[in-house]
Amino acid sequence: MRKLLEWVGAGLALGGVAGVLRELTDGWFGLLGFTRLLTENVGLLHGYEIHANVAIAALGASIAAAAGRLGRAAA
């Protein structure tokens, strides 16, 4: 469970950072653009794509950190 949460957290953090880079370069950096599906298809987020990607990256980092603490608490 811990490893799964670490992988999910790392994937979200990497995807969020890649989304910020994509938005700042006007779509030139398209690597790992899975967050584009969220930011382009949710009408509430139009105009706030960078903020949404930063939030996704922060969520991923916090999930990975929580998974690390979970592993230390269980040991």
C-alpha atoms as a PDB file:
ATOM      1  CA  MET A   1       0.000   0.000   0.000  1.00  0.00           C
ATOM      2  CA  ARG A   2       2.822   2.365   0.927  1.00  0.00           C
ATOM      3  CA  LYS A   3       4.643   1.858  -2.375  1.00  0.00           C
ATOM      4  CA  LEU A   4       1.422   2.350  -4.331  1.00  0.00           C
ATOM      5  CA  LEU A   5       0.763   5.667  -2.581  1.00  0.00           C
ATOM      6  CA  GLU A   6       4.354   6.747  -3.201  1.00  0.00           C
ATOM      7  CA  TRP A   7       4.023   5.963  -6.921  1.00  0.00           C
ATOM      8  CA  VAL A   8       0.670   7.733  -7.210  1.00  0.00           C
ATOM      9  CA  GLY A   9       2.018  10.761  -5.360  1.00  0.00           C
ATOM     10  CA  ALA A  10       5.153  10.915  -7.479  1.00  0.00           C
ATOM     11  CA  GLY A  11       3.101  10.566 -10.665  1.00  0.00           C
ATOM     12  CA  LEU A  12       0.751  13.374  -9.679  1.00  0.00           C
ATOM     13  CA  ALA A  13       3.635  15.630  -8.639  1.00  0.00           C
ATOM     14  CA  LEU A  14       5.492  14.984 -11.897  1.00  0.00           C
ATOM     15  CA  GLY A  15       2.312  15.455 -13.934  1.00  0.00           C
ATOM     16  CA  GLY A  16       1.530  18.731 -12.168  1.00  0.00           C
ATOM     17  CA  VAL A  17       5.015  20.098 -12.798  1.00  0.00           C
ATOM     18  CA  ALA A  18       4.828  19.000 -16.440  1.00  0.00           C
ATOM     19  CA  GLY A  19       1.428  20.707 -16.724  1.00  0.00           C
ATOM     20  CA  VAL A  20       2.862  23.962 -15.380  1.00  0.00           C
ATOM     21  CA  LEU A  21       5.729  23.744 -17.870  1.00  0.00           C
ATOM     22  CA  ARG A  22       3.255  23.035 -20.681  1.00  0.00           C
ATOM     23  CA  GLU A  23       1.156  26.072 -19.762  1.00  0.00           C
ATOM     24  CA  LEU A  24       4.178  28.360 -19.457  1.00  0.00           C
ATOM     25  CA  THR A  25       5.564  27.264 -22.841  1.00  0.00           C
ATOM     26  CA  ASP A  26       2.185  27.475 -24.646  1.00  0.00           C
ATOM     27  CA  GLY A  27       1.907  23.754 -25.233  1.00  0.00           C
ATOM     28  CA  TRP A  28       5.468  23.170 -26.386  1.00  0.00           C
ATOM     29  CA  PHE A  29       6.271  20.881 -23.443  1.00  0.00           C
ATOM     30  CA  GLY A  30       3.691  18.156 -23.934  1.00  0.00           C
ATOM     31  CA  LEU A  31       5.380  15.392 -21.946  1.00  0.00           C
ATOM     32  CA  LEU A  32       3.085  13.794 -19.363  1.00  0.00           C
ATOM     33  CA  GLY A  33       0.192  15.991 -20.338  1.00  0.00           C
ATOM     34  CA  PHE A  34      -2.473  13.899 -18.614  1.00  0.00           C
ATOM     35  CA  THR A  35      -3.426  16.850 -16.412  1.00  0.00           C
ATOM     36  CA  ARG A  36      -4.538  18.614 -19.600  1.00  0.00           C
ATOM     37  CA  LEU A  37      -7.598  16.354 -19.568  1.00  0.00           C
ATOM     38  CA  LEU A  38      -8.630  17.856 -16.253  1.00  0.00           C
ATOM     39  CA  THR A  39      -7.744  21.485 -16.838  1.00  0.00           C
ATOM     40  CA  GLU A  40      -9.258  21.723 -20.332  1.00  0.00           C
ATOM     41  CA  ASN A  41     -12.456  19.756 -19.698  1.00  0.00           C
ATOM     42  CA  VAL A  42     -13.560  21.380 -16.440  1.00  0.00           C
ATOM     43  CA  GLY A  43     -15.157  24.713 -17.256  1.00  0.00           C
ATOM     44  CA  LEU A  44     -14.501  26.122 -13.807  1.00  0.00           C
ATOM     45  CA  LEU A  45     -10.734  25.870 -14.378  1.00  0.00           C
ATOM     46  CA  HIS A  46     -10.568  27.849 -17.639  1.00  0.00           C
ATOM     47  CA  GLY A  47      -8.079  30.630 -17.105  1.00  0.00           C
ATOM     48  CA  TYR A  48      -6.685  28.944 -13.989  1.00  0.00           C
ATOM     49  CA  GLU A  49      -4.742  26.106 -15.608  1.00  0.00           C
ATOM     50  CA  ILE A  50      -1.430  26.985 -13.967  1.00  0.00           C
ATOM     51  CA  HIS A  51      -3.057  27.184 -10.545  1.00  0.00           C
ATOM     52  CA  ALA A  52      -4.759  23.820 -11.075  1.00  0.00           C
ATOM     53  CA  ASN A  53      -1.485  22.179 -12.104  1.00  0.00           C
ATOM     54  CA  VAL A  54       0.313  23.636  -9.088  1.00  0.00           C
ATOM     55  CA  ALA A  55      -2.467  22.236  -6.891  1.00  0.00           C
ATOM     56  CA  ILE A  56      -2.110  18.810  -8.558  1.00  0.00           C
ATOM     57  CA  ALA A  57       1.652  18.876  -7.970  1.00  0.00           C
ATOM     58  CA  ALA A  58       1.149  19.873  -4.318  1.00  0.00           C
ATOM     59  CA  LEU A  59      -1.435  17.121  -3.845  1.00  0.00           C
ATOM     60  CA  GLY A  60       0.975  14.568  -5.303  1.00  0.00           C
ATOM     61  CA  ALA A  61       3.820  15.744  -3.074  1.00  0.00           C
ATOM     62  CA  SER A  62       1.617  15.562   0.003  1.00  0.00           C
ATOM     63  CA  ILE A  63       0.412  12.047  -0.872  1.00  0.00           C
ATOM     64  CA  ALA A  64       4.011  10.888  -1.348  1.00  0.00           C
ATOM     65  CA  ALA A  65       5.053  12.489   1.955  1.00  0.00           C
ATOM     66  CA  ALA A  66       2.126  10.898   3.782  1.00  0.00           C
ATOM     67  CA  ALA A  67       3.044   7.516   2.332  1.00  0.00           C
ATOM     68  CA  GLY A  68       6.577   7.954   3.595  1.00  0.00           C
ATOM     69  CA  ARG A  69       5.319   8.740   7.083  1.00  0.00           C
ATOM     70  CA  LEU A  70       2.943   5.775   6.913  1.00  0.00           C
ATOM     71  CA  GLY A  71       5.857   3.479   6.188  1.00  0.00           C
ATOM     72  CA  ARG A  72       7.886   4.804   9.132  1.00  0.00           C
ATOM     73  CA  ALA A  73       4.938   4.584  11.516  1.00  0.00           C
ATOM     74  CA  ALA A  74       4.268   0.938  10.640  1.00  0.00           C
ATOM     75  CA  ALA A  75       7.899  -0.125  11.134  1.00  0.00           C
END
